[in-house]
Amino acid sequence: MPRAPEFRAVHEQADRIEPRLARALGKATDRMRSLIPFAPLAEAIAARDERGAARIIAEMDIEDTLVPSEQILRDAFLKGGKTIAKELNDE
């Protein structure tokens, strides 16, 4: 599908951000995998120990793994908004 020429700058920014975000999310996923205690979680699930499984999940500190991805998305949102505003004002 052809891209609207008036938003070329937005598309160029998206093309630059996409690989950065993909790398950040890949690293976050790998980090999350390393933090999940699979054996105890599987044991709790197999034993139908809902509270134990919930406790294990609650204790996993995985939120920090998404901080770089969140920052990339925040920056992209701000830059995209500024670029669109500039494009519209230049018309």
C-alpha atoms as a PDB file:
ATOM      1  CA  MET A   1       0.000   0.000   0.000  1.00  0.00           C
ATOM      2  CA  PRO A   2       1.492   3.370  -0.949  1.00  0.00           C
ATOM      3  CA  ARG A   3       2.296   5.742   1.849  1.00  0.00           C
ATOM      4  CA  ALA A   4       0.879   9.236   1.981  1.00  0.00           C
ATOM      5  CA  PRO A   5       3.731  11.579   0.991  1.00  0.00           C
ATOM      6  CA  GLU A   6       2.681  14.222   3.505  1.00  0.00           C
ATOM      7  CA  PHE A   7       3.463  11.813   6.323  1.00  0.00           C
ATOM      8  CA  ARG A   8       6.779  10.571   4.918  1.00  0.00           C
ATOM      9  CA  ALA A   9       8.676  11.838   7.988  1.00  0.00           C
ATOM     10  CA  VAL A  10       6.388   9.863  10.308  1.00  0.00           C
ATOM     11  CA  HIS A  11       6.904   6.698   8.281  1.00  0.00           C
ATOM     12  CA  GLU A  12      10.666   7.232   8.260  1.00  0.00           C
ATOM     13  CA  GLN A  13      10.649   7.570  12.048  1.00  0.00           C
ATOM     14  CA  ALA A  14       8.561   4.402  12.381  1.00  0.00           C
ATOM     15  CA  ASP A  15      10.990   2.527  10.146  1.00  0.00           C
ATOM     16  CA  ARG A  16      13.896   3.584  12.400  1.00  0.00           C
ATOM     17  CA  ILE A  17      12.070   2.782  15.628  1.00  0.00           C
ATOM     18  CA  GLU A  18      10.754  -0.641  14.622  1.00  0.00           C
ATOM     19  CA  PRO A  19      14.096  -2.523  14.767  1.00  0.00           C
ATOM     20  CA  ARG A  20      15.046  -0.825  18.058  1.00  0.00           C
ATOM     21  CA  LEU A  21      11.736  -1.822  19.610  1.00  0.00           C
ATOM     22  CA  ALA A  22      12.018  -5.384  18.277  1.00  0.00           C
ATOM     23  CA  ARG A  23      15.498  -5.745  19.839  1.00  0.00           C
ATOM     24  CA  ALA A  24      14.324  -4.283  23.159  1.00  0.00           C
ATOM     25  CA  LEU A  25      11.308  -6.602  23.305  1.00  0.00           C
ATOM     26  CA  GLY A  26      13.476  -9.594  22.396  1.00  0.00           C
ATOM     27  CA  LYS A  27      15.873  -8.785  25.221  1.00  0.00           C
ATOM     28  CA  ALA A  28      12.943  -8.284  27.610  1.00  0.00           C
ATOM     29  CA  THR A  29      11.496 -11.665  26.661  1.00  0.00           C
ATOM     30  CA  ASP A  30      14.836 -13.392  27.204  1.00  0.00           C
ATOM     31  CA  ARG A  31      15.235 -11.676  30.564  1.00  0.00           C
ATOM     32  CA  MET A  32      11.705 -12.646  31.632  1.00  0.00           C
ATOM     33  CA  ARG A  33      12.381 -16.268  30.736  1.00  0.00           C
ATOM     34  CA  SER A  34      15.470 -16.250  32.909  1.00  0.00           C
ATOM     35  CA  LEU A  35      13.492 -14.865  35.860  1.00  0.00           C
ATOM     36  CA  ILE A  36      10.574 -17.315  35.789  1.00  0.00           C
ATOM     37  CA  PRO A  37      11.009 -20.180  38.283  1.00  0.00           C
ATOM     38  CA  PHE A  38       9.509 -22.819  35.978  1.00  0.00           C
ATOM     39  CA  ALA A  39       9.958 -25.868  38.225  1.00  0.00           C
ATOM     40  CA  PRO A  40       8.264 -24.426  41.340  1.00  0.00           C
ATOM     41  CA  LEU A  41       5.538 -22.856  39.214  1.00  0.00           C
ATOM     42  CA  ALA A  42       4.891 -26.122  37.384  1.00  0.00           C
ATOM     43  CA  GLU A  43       4.798 -27.990  40.704  1.00  0.00           C
ATOM     44  CA  ALA A  44       2.274 -25.550  42.148  1.00  0.00           C
ATOM     45  CA  ILE A  45       0.108 -25.813  39.042  1.00  0.00           C
ATOM     46  CA  ALA A  46       0.322 -29.620  38.996  1.00  0.00           C
ATOM     47  CA  ALA A  47      -0.653 -29.696  42.671  1.00  0.00           C
ATOM     48  CA  ARG A  48      -3.561 -27.321  41.918  1.00  0.00           C
ATOM     49  CA  ASP A  49      -2.050 -24.958  44.466  1.00  0.00           C
ATOM     50  CA  GLU A  50      -3.594 -21.744  43.174  1.00  0.00           C
ATOM     51  CA  ARG A  51      -2.290 -19.630  46.022  1.00  0.00           C
ATOM     52  CA  GLY A  52       1.221 -21.007  45.669  1.00  0.00           C
ATOM     53  CA  ALA A  53       1.240 -20.387  41.913  1.00  0.00           C
ATOM     54  CA  ALA A  54      -0.147 -16.885  42.404  1.00  0.00           C
ATOM     55  CA  ARG A  55       2.511 -16.157  45.048  1.00  0.00           C
ATOM     56  CA  ILE A  56       5.278 -17.335  42.712  1.00  0.00           C
ATOM     57  CA  ILE A  57       3.937 -15.169  39.884  1.00  0.00           C
ATOM     58  CA  ALA A  58       3.518 -12.166  42.179  1.00  0.00           C
ATOM     59  CA  GLU A  59       7.120 -12.499  43.358  1.00  0.00           C
ATOM     60  CA  MET A  60       8.533 -12.471  39.832  1.00  0.00           C
ATOM     61  CA  ASP A  61      10.173  -9.110  39.230  1.00  0.00           C
ATOM     62  CA  ILE A  62       9.692  -8.837  35.475  1.00  0.00           C
ATOM     63  CA  GLU A  63       8.321  -5.303  35.129  1.00  0.00           C
ATOM     64  CA  ASP A  64      11.793  -3.781  34.981  1.00  0.00           C
ATOM     65  CA  THR A  65      12.555  -5.845  31.893  1.00  0.00           C
ATOM     66  CA  LEU A  66      10.067  -3.745  29.917  1.00  0.00           C
ATOM     67  CA  VAL A  67      11.462  -0.336  30.889  1.00  0.00           C
ATOM     68  CA  PRO A  68      13.636   0.045  27.748  1.00  0.00           C
ATOM     69  CA  SER A  69      10.694  -0.902  25.508  1.00  0.00           C
ATOM     70  CA  GLU A  70       8.423   1.533  27.319  1.00  0.00           C
ATOM     71  CA  GLN A  71      10.955   4.320  26.851  1.00  0.00           C
ATOM     72  CA  ILE A  72      11.260   3.608  23.123  1.00  0.00           C
ATOM     73  CA  LEU A  73       7.476   3.675  22.752  1.00  0.00           C
ATOM     74  CA  ARG A  74       7.184   6.878  24.785  1.00  0.00           C
ATOM     75  CA  ASP A  75       9.855   8.580  22.677  1.00  0.00           C
ATOM     76  CA  ALA A  76       8.231   7.332  19.473  1.00  0.00           C
ATOM     77  CA  PHE A  77       4.847   8.643  20.541  1.00  0.00           C
ATOM     78  CA  LEU A  78       6.244  12.076  21.384  1.00  0.00           C
ATOM     79  CA  LYS A  79       8.360  12.346  18.230  1.00  0.00           C
ATOM     80  CA  GLY A  80       5.482  11.124  16.076  1.00  0.00           C
ATOM     81  CA  GLY A  81       3.102  13.648  17.571  1.00  0.00           C
ATOM     82  CA  LYS A  82       5.566  16.493  17.076  1.00  0.00           C
ATOM     83  CA  THR A  83       6.259  15.410  13.507  1.00  0.00           C
ATOM     84  CA  ILE A  84       2.577  15.149  12.626  1.00  0.00           C
ATOM     85  CA  ALA A  85       1.900  18.560  14.182  1.00  0.00           C
ATOM     86  CA  LYS A  86       4.750  20.046  12.157  1.00  0.00           C
ATOM     87  CA  GLU A  87       3.530  18.392   8.955  1.00  0.00           C
ATOM     88  CA  LEU A  88       0.005  19.708   9.513  1.00  0.00           C
ATOM     89  CA  ASN A  89       1.253  23.206  10.330  1.00  0.00           C
ATOM     90  CA  ASP A  90       3.434  23.258   7.200  1.00  0.00           C
ATOM     91  CA  GLU A  91       0.425  22.569   4.950  1.00  0.00           C
END
